[in-house]
Amino acid sequence: MKTLLLASLLSIVLSIAAVAQDFPNPLSQNHRAEGVRLTSILGTVKAEGEKLTFVTDRRAWNVDNPETLEGHEGHFIRVKAQVYPDKGWIHITEVKPATAIESRNNDKR
């Protein structure tokens, strides 16, 4: 009786594991396919008329959702973003002020 119960339990666990492999997370697959991941970047928001760009020490990025940067013009900030270097733009998901140490290091440059 115990052997039958154990065998049934084992077959249920294995079938659940097999089904779970058939349903991958579409979001993670999408990111892997494009090579895009969330990255933390320090930089300054630059306003040129209506256009907002995010400028780092290496390059200026076009922002596909500039509304996230409104009110931060001229500020040195940290953003979390999906970076598309081949297209020259970023998609910002989070904006935070830079820490005091990060700001001091930026002022030294």
C-alpha atoms as a PDB file:
ATOM      1  CA  MET A   1       0.000   0.000   0.000  1.00  0.00           C
ATOM      2  CA  LYS A   2       2.803   2.432   0.926  1.00  0.00           C
ATOM      3  CA  THR A   3       4.674   1.553  -2.243  1.00  0.00           C
ATOM      4  CA  LEU A   4       1.599   2.289  -4.375  1.00  0.00           C
ATOM      5  CA  LEU A   5       1.058   5.634  -2.645  1.00  0.00           C
ATOM      6  CA  LEU A   6       4.734   6.564  -3.054  1.00  0.00           C
ATOM      7  CA  ALA A   7       4.690   5.611  -6.748  1.00  0.00           C
ATOM      8  CA  SER A   8       1.544   7.701  -7.323  1.00  0.00           C
ATOM      9  CA  LEU A   9       3.074  10.689  -5.564  1.00  0.00           C
ATOM     10  CA  LEU A  10       6.267  10.380  -7.552  1.00  0.00           C
ATOM     11  CA  SER A  11       4.400  10.251 -10.867  1.00  0.00           C
ATOM     12  CA  ILE A  12       2.381  13.359  -9.936  1.00  0.00           C
ATOM     13  CA  VAL A  13       5.513  15.310  -9.007  1.00  0.00           C
ATOM     14  CA  LEU A  14       7.263  14.310 -12.228  1.00  0.00           C
ATOM     15  CA  SER A  15       4.268  15.230 -14.389  1.00  0.00           C
ATOM     16  CA  ILE A  16       4.017  18.662 -12.708  1.00  0.00           C
ATOM     17  CA  ALA A  17       7.707  19.264 -13.367  1.00  0.00           C
ATOM     18  CA  ALA A  18       7.284  18.259 -17.014  1.00  0.00           C
ATOM     19  CA  VAL A  19       4.304  20.584 -17.502  1.00  0.00           C
ATOM     20  CA  ALA A  20       6.123  23.491 -15.826  1.00  0.00           C
ATOM     21  CA  GLN A  21       8.919  23.213 -18.389  1.00  0.00           C
ATOM     22  CA  ASP A  22       6.403  23.653 -21.206  1.00  0.00           C
ATOM     23  CA  PHE A  23       5.367  27.105 -19.925  1.00  0.00           C
ATOM     24  CA  PRO A  24       8.442  29.377 -19.892  1.00  0.00           C
ATOM     25  CA  ASN A  25       8.192  32.932 -18.636  1.00  0.00           C
ATOM     26  CA  PRO A  26       7.479  35.030 -21.778  1.00  0.00           C
ATOM     27  CA  LEU A  27       9.020  38.180 -20.282  1.00  0.00           C
ATOM     28  CA  SER A  28      12.383  36.567 -19.568  1.00  0.00           C
ATOM     29  CA  GLN A  29      12.381  34.935 -23.001  1.00  0.00           C
ATOM     30  CA  ASN A  30      11.709  38.302 -24.610  1.00  0.00           C
ATOM     31  CA  HIS A  31      14.649  39.888 -22.808  1.00  0.00           C
ATOM     32  CA  ARG A  32      16.980  37.023 -23.669  1.00  0.00           C
ATOM     33  CA  ALA A  33      15.996  37.190 -27.316  1.00  0.00           C
ATOM     34  CA  GLU A  34      16.823  40.885 -27.528  1.00  0.00           C
ATOM     35  CA  GLY A  35      19.776  40.775 -25.137  1.00  0.00           C
ATOM     36  CA  VAL A  36      18.121  43.427 -22.988  1.00  0.00           C
ATOM     37  CA  ARG A  37      18.450  43.554 -19.237  1.00  0.00           C
ATOM     38  CA  LEU A  38      17.768  46.110 -16.559  1.00  0.00           C
ATOM     39  CA  THR A  39      20.857  48.209 -15.865  1.00  0.00           C
ATOM     40  CA  SER A  40      21.591  50.901 -13.290  1.00  0.00           C
ATOM     41  CA  ILE A  41      23.128  54.035 -14.860  1.00  0.00           C
ATOM     42  CA  LEU A  42      24.297  57.388 -13.488  1.00  0.00           C
ATOM     43  CA  GLY A  43      23.897  60.497 -15.607  1.00  0.00           C
ATOM     44  CA  THR A  44      22.420  63.939 -16.098  1.00  0.00           C
ATOM     45  CA  VAL A  45      19.096  64.841 -17.692  1.00  0.00           C
ATOM     46  CA  LYS A  46      19.579  67.330 -20.513  1.00  0.00           C
ATOM     47  CA  ALA A  47      16.703  69.317 -21.994  1.00  0.00           C
ATOM     48  CA  GLU A  48      16.932  70.545 -25.563  1.00  0.00           C
ATOM     49  CA  GLY A  49      13.649  72.298 -26.165  1.00  0.00           C
ATOM     50  CA  GLU A  50      10.960  69.651 -25.733  1.00  0.00           C
ATOM     51  CA  LYS A  51      13.413  66.749 -26.060  1.00  0.00           C
ATOM     52  CA  LEU A  52      14.958  65.143 -22.961  1.00  0.00           C
ATOM     53  CA  THR A  53      18.125  63.064 -23.205  1.00  0.00           C
ATOM     54  CA  PHE A  54      20.061  61.140 -20.562  1.00  0.00           C
ATOM     55  CA  VAL A  55      23.779  61.951 -20.675  1.00  0.00           C
ATOM     56  CA  THR A  56      26.367  59.656 -19.079  1.00  0.00           C
ATOM     57  CA  ASP A  57      30.135  60.103 -19.038  1.00  0.00           C
ATOM     58  CA  ARG A  58      30.348  57.917 -22.160  1.00  0.00           C
ATOM     59  CA  ARG A  59      27.418  59.015 -24.339  1.00  0.00           C
ATOM     60  CA  ALA A  60      24.039  60.683 -24.655  1.00  0.00           C
ATOM     61  CA  TRP A  61      20.988  58.411 -24.815  1.00  0.00           C
ATOM     62  CA  ASN A  62      17.635  59.082 -26.421  1.00  0.00           C
ATOM     63  CA  VAL A  63      14.862  58.130 -24.021  1.00  0.00           C
ATOM     64  CA  ASP A  64      11.796  56.341 -25.387  1.00  0.00           C
ATOM     65  CA  ASN A  65       9.699  57.351 -22.346  1.00  0.00           C
ATOM     66  CA  PRO A  66      10.911  60.909 -21.554  1.00  0.00           C
ATOM     67  CA  GLU A  67       7.958  61.587 -19.240  1.00  0.00           C
ATOM     68  CA  THR A  68       9.841  59.612 -16.558  1.00  0.00           C
ATOM     69  CA  LEU A  69      12.549  62.302 -16.559  1.00  0.00           C
ATOM     70  CA  GLU A  70      10.259  65.340 -16.360  1.00  0.00           C
ATOM     71  CA  GLY A  71      11.187  67.533 -13.406  1.00  0.00           C
ATOM     72  CA  HIS A  72      14.756  66.174 -13.304  1.00  0.00           C
ATOM     73  CA  GLU A  73      16.220  68.460 -15.970  1.00  0.00           C
ATOM     74  CA  GLY A  74      19.834  69.355 -15.096  1.00  0.00           C
ATOM     75  CA  HIS A  75      19.951  66.869 -12.204  1.00  0.00           C
ATOM     76  CA  PHE A  76      22.540  64.138 -11.731  1.00  0.00           C
ATOM     77  CA  ILE A  77      20.478  60.982 -11.103  1.00  0.00           C
ATOM     78  CA  ARG A  78      20.562  57.190 -11.095  1.00  0.00           C
ATOM     79  CA  VAL A  79      18.135  55.344 -13.375  1.00  0.00           C
ATOM     80  CA  LYS A  80      17.276  51.715 -13.913  1.00  0.00           C
ATOM     81  CA  ALA A  81      16.785  51.188 -17.607  1.00  0.00           C
ATOM     82  CA  GLN A  82      16.703  48.720 -20.421  1.00  0.00           C
ATOM     83  CA  VAL A  83      19.575  49.719 -22.712  1.00  0.00           C
ATOM     84  CA  TYR A  84      19.454  49.307 -26.486  1.00  0.00           C
ATOM     85  CA  PRO A  85      22.987  50.347 -27.542  1.00  0.00           C
ATOM     86  CA  ASP A  86      22.511  49.380 -31.180  1.00  0.00           C
ATOM     87  CA  LYS A  87      19.494  51.708 -31.411  1.00  0.00           C
ATOM     88  CA  GLY A  88      20.999  54.444 -29.223  1.00  0.00           C
ATOM     89  CA  TRP A  89      18.112  54.657 -26.789  1.00  0.00           C
ATOM     90  CA  ILE A  90      17.036  53.514 -23.337  1.00  0.00           C
ATOM     91  CA  HIS A  91      13.728  52.703 -21.659  1.00  0.00           C
ATOM     92  CA  ILE A  92      13.741  54.014 -18.074  1.00  0.00           C
ATOM     93  CA  THR A  93      11.862  52.042 -15.429  1.00  0.00           C
ATOM     94  CA  GLU A  94      13.011  53.837 -12.246  1.00  0.00           C
ATOM     95  CA  VAL A  95      14.513  57.231 -11.347  1.00  0.00           C
ATOM     96  CA  LYS A  96      16.375  57.922  -8.080  1.00  0.00           C
ATOM     97  CA  PRO A  97      18.567  60.788  -6.927  1.00  0.00           C
ATOM     98  CA  ALA A  98      22.268  60.002  -6.900  1.00  0.00           C
ATOM     99  CA  THR A  99      23.826  59.457  -3.481  1.00  0.00           C
ATOM    100  CA  ALA A 100      26.022  62.168  -1.974  1.00  0.00           C
ATOM    101  CA  ILE A 101      29.173  60.151  -2.716  1.00  0.00           C
ATOM    102  CA  GLU A 102      28.126  59.587  -6.346  1.00  0.00           C
ATOM    103  CA  SER A 103      27.408  63.309  -6.740  1.00  0.00           C
ATOM    104  CA  ARG A 104      30.770  64.277  -5.223  1.00  0.00           C
ATOM    105  CA  ASN A 105      32.591  61.869  -7.532  1.00  0.00           C
ATOM    106  CA  ASN A 106      30.737  63.350 -10.491  1.00  0.00           C
ATOM    107  CA  ASP A 107      31.650  66.903  -9.418  1.00  0.00           C
ATOM    108  CA  LYS A 108      35.361  65.940  -9.315  1.00  0.00           C
ATOM    109  CA  ARG A 109      35.311  65.058 -13.036  1.00  0.00           C
END
